[in-house]
Amino acid sequence: MNRPYCRVFFLIMGLLLTGCGAEAVRRPAVLIDAEEYSRAGLQAYGDAEWRSAQHFFNKAL
């Protein structure tokens, strides 16, 4: 009596797990570059390099 429920359970679990194998979503290169410029701007700001920080923040925008 339990056997049909087990088959249905494993079938549904298998179908659900196949959806987990999708390719990861890639972020656009523009966002990656903006994060890098923001990181460099924060570093320059922390080092009191104001012109460099302003340059990096402007590029990030």
N, C-alpha and C. Protein backbone atom coordinates (compact mmCIF):
# COMPACT_ATOMS: atom_id res chain seq x y z
N MET A 1 0.81 -1.19 0.00
CA MET A 1 0.00 0.00 0.00
C MET A 1 0.86 1.27 0.00
N ASN A 2 2.00 1.22 0.62
CA ASN A 2 2.89 2.36 0.68
C ASN A 2 3.66 2.57 -0.61
N ARG A 3 3.82 1.53 -1.36
CA ARG A 3 4.68 1.56 -2.54
C ARG A 3 4.26 2.60 -3.59
N PRO A 4 2.99 2.73 -3.95
CA PRO A 4 2.62 3.75 -4.94
C PRO A 4 2.94 5.17 -4.47
N TYR A 5 2.79 5.42 -3.17
CA TYR A 5 3.09 6.76 -2.66
C TYR A 5 4.58 7.05 -2.76
N CYS A 6 5.40 6.05 -2.50
CA CYS A 6 6.85 6.23 -2.61
C CYS A 6 7.24 6.55 -4.05
N ARG A 7 6.66 5.86 -4.99
CA ARG A 7 6.98 6.11 -6.40
C ARG A 7 6.58 7.53 -6.80
N VAL A 8 5.41 7.95 -6.40
CA VAL A 8 4.96 9.30 -6.72
C VAL A 8 5.86 10.33 -6.04
N PHE A 9 6.21 10.07 -4.79
CA PHE A 9 7.08 10.99 -4.06
C PHE A 9 8.42 11.14 -4.77
N PHE A 10 9.05 10.02 -5.13
CA PHE A 10 10.35 10.09 -5.79
C PHE A 10 10.26 10.70 -7.18
N LEU A 11 9.17 10.47 -7.86
CA LEU A 11 8.97 11.09 -9.17
C LEU A 11 8.88 12.61 -9.04
N ILE A 12 8.09 13.07 -8.10
CA ILE A 12 7.95 14.52 -7.88
C ILE A 12 9.27 15.12 -7.41
N MET A 13 9.96 14.45 -6.50
CA MET A 13 11.25 14.97 -6.02
C MET A 13 12.26 15.03 -7.16
N GLY A 14 12.26 14.03 -8.01
CA GLY A 14 13.17 14.04 -9.16
C GLY A 14 12.89 15.19 -10.09
N LEU A 15 11.62 15.46 -10.34
CA LEU A 15 11.25 16.58 -11.20
C LEU A 15 11.64 17.92 -10.57
N LEU A 16 11.46 18.04 -9.28
CA LEU A 16 11.83 19.28 -8.60
C LEU A 16 13.34 19.49 -8.62
N LEU A 17 14.09 18.43 -8.43
CA LEU A 17 15.55 18.56 -8.41
C LEU A 17 16.14 18.83 -9.78
N THR A 18 15.46 18.44 -10.85
CA THR A 18 15.99 18.74 -12.18
C THR A 18 15.95 20.23 -12.45
N GLY A 19 15.04 20.94 -11.81
CA GLY A 19 14.98 22.39 -11.96
C GLY A 19 16.15 23.09 -11.28
N CYS A 20 16.80 22.43 -10.34
CA CYS A 20 17.93 23.03 -9.63
C CYS A 20 19.20 23.01 -10.47
N GLY A 21 19.23 22.28 -11.53
CA GLY A 21 20.44 22.16 -12.33
C GLY A 21 20.58 23.23 -13.39
N ALA A 22 19.80 24.27 -13.31
CA ALA A 22 19.86 25.32 -14.32
C ALA A 22 21.17 26.10 -14.21
N GLU A 23 21.53 26.74 -15.29
CA GLU A 23 22.75 27.54 -15.33
C GLU A 23 22.59 28.77 -14.44
N ALA A 24 23.66 29.17 -13.81
CA ALA A 24 23.63 30.34 -12.93
C ALA A 24 23.40 31.61 -13.76
N VAL A 25 22.70 32.54 -13.17
CA VAL A 25 22.42 33.80 -13.84
C VAL A 25 23.68 34.66 -13.81
N ARG A 26 24.07 35.15 -14.97
CA ARG A 26 25.27 35.99 -15.05
C ARG A 26 24.87 37.45 -14.93
N ARG A 27 25.66 38.18 -14.16
CA ARG A 27 25.42 39.61 -14.03
C ARG A 27 26.07 40.33 -15.19
N PRO A 28 25.46 41.41 -15.66
CA PRO A 28 26.04 42.17 -16.78
C PRO A 28 27.41 42.73 -16.42
N ALA A 29 28.26 42.86 -17.44
CA ALA A 29 29.61 43.37 -17.24
C ALA A 29 29.59 44.79 -16.71
N VAL A 30 28.57 45.56 -17.07
CA VAL A 30 28.47 46.95 -16.60
C VAL A 30 28.37 46.99 -15.07
N LEU A 31 27.59 46.08 -14.49
CA LEU A 31 27.46 46.05 -13.03
C LEU A 31 28.74 45.61 -12.36
N ILE A 32 29.41 44.65 -12.96
CA ILE A 32 30.68 44.17 -12.40
C ILE A 32 31.71 45.29 -12.42
N ASP A 33 31.77 46.04 -13.53
CA ASP A 33 32.71 47.16 -13.63
C ASP A 33 32.37 48.25 -12.61
N ALA A 34 31.08 48.55 -12.45
CA ALA A 34 30.66 49.58 -11.50
C ALA A 34 31.04 49.20 -10.08
N GLU A 35 30.90 47.93 -9.74
CA GLU A 35 31.30 47.48 -8.41
C GLU A 35 32.80 47.63 -8.20
N GLU A 36 33.56 47.31 -9.23
CA GLU A 36 35.02 47.44 -9.15
C GLU A 36 35.43 48.90 -8.97
N TYR A 37 34.82 49.81 -9.73
CA TYR A 37 35.13 51.23 -9.59
C TYR A 37 34.69 51.76 -8.22
N SER A 38 33.56 51.30 -7.72
CA SER A 38 33.11 51.72 -6.39
C SER A 38 34.08 51.24 -5.32
N ARG A 39 34.54 50.00 -5.46
CA ARG A 39 35.50 49.45 -4.51
C ARG A 39 36.80 50.26 -4.52
N ALA A 40 37.28 50.59 -5.73
CA ALA A 40 38.50 51.39 -5.85
C ALA A 40 38.28 52.79 -5.29
N GLY A 41 37.10 53.36 -5.51
CA GLY A 41 36.78 54.68 -4.98
C GLY A 41 36.76 54.70 -3.47
N LEU A 42 36.18 53.66 -2.87
CA LEU A 42 36.16 53.58 -1.41
C LEU A 42 37.57 53.44 -0.84
N GLN A 43 38.40 52.67 -1.52
CA GLN A 43 39.78 52.51 -1.08
C GLN A 43 40.52 53.85 -1.16
N ALA A 44 40.35 54.56 -2.27
CA ALA A 44 41.00 55.86 -2.44
C ALA A 44 40.46 56.86 -1.42
N TYR A 45 39.18 56.83 -1.15
CA TYR A 45 38.58 57.74 -0.16
C TYR A 45 39.15 57.46 1.23
N GLY A 46 39.30 56.18 1.55
CA GLY A 46 39.88 55.80 2.84
C GLY A 46 41.32 56.22 2.97
N ASP A 47 42.04 56.29 1.85
CA ASP A 47 43.44 56.70 1.85
C ASP A 47 43.59 58.21 1.69
N ALA A 48 42.48 58.95 1.71
CA ALA A 48 42.46 60.41 1.57
C ALA A 48 42.99 60.87 0.22
N GLU A 49 42.78 60.07 -0.81
CA GLU A 49 43.15 60.46 -2.18
C GLU A 49 41.87 60.94 -2.86
N TRP A 50 41.53 62.19 -2.61
CA TRP A 50 40.23 62.71 -2.98
C TRP A 50 39.99 62.73 -4.49
N ARG A 51 40.98 63.15 -5.25
CA ARG A 51 40.79 63.23 -6.70
C ARG A 51 40.61 61.83 -7.31
N SER A 52 41.39 60.89 -6.84
CA SER A 52 41.24 59.52 -7.33
C SER A 52 39.88 58.96 -6.95
N ALA A 53 39.46 59.22 -5.73
CA ALA A 53 38.16 58.73 -5.28
C ALA A 53 37.04 59.33 -6.13
N GLN A 54 37.12 60.63 -6.39
CA GLN A 54 36.10 61.28 -7.22
C GLN A 54 36.10 60.68 -8.62
N HIS A 55 37.27 60.42 -9.17
CA HIS A 55 37.38 59.83 -10.51
C HIS A 55 36.72 58.45 -10.55
N PHE A 56 37.03 57.61 -9.57
CA PHE A 56 36.46 56.26 -9.54
C PHE A 56 34.95 56.29 -9.32
N PHE A 57 34.48 57.16 -8.44
CA PHE A 57 33.03 57.24 -8.20
C PHE A 57 32.30 57.74 -9.44
N ASN A 58 32.89 58.68 -10.16
CA ASN A 58 32.27 59.15 -11.40
C ASN A 58 32.21 58.04 -12.44
N LYS A 59 33.25 57.22 -12.52
CA LYS A 59 33.24 56.11 -13.48
C LYS A 59 32.22 55.04 -13.08
N ALA A 60 32.02 54.88 -11.77
CA ALA A 60 31.06 53.89 -11.29
C ALA A 60 29.63 54.27 -11.67
N LEU A 61 29.38 55.57 -11.74
CA LEU A 61 28.03 56.02 -12.10
C LEU A 61 27.84 55.91 -13.59
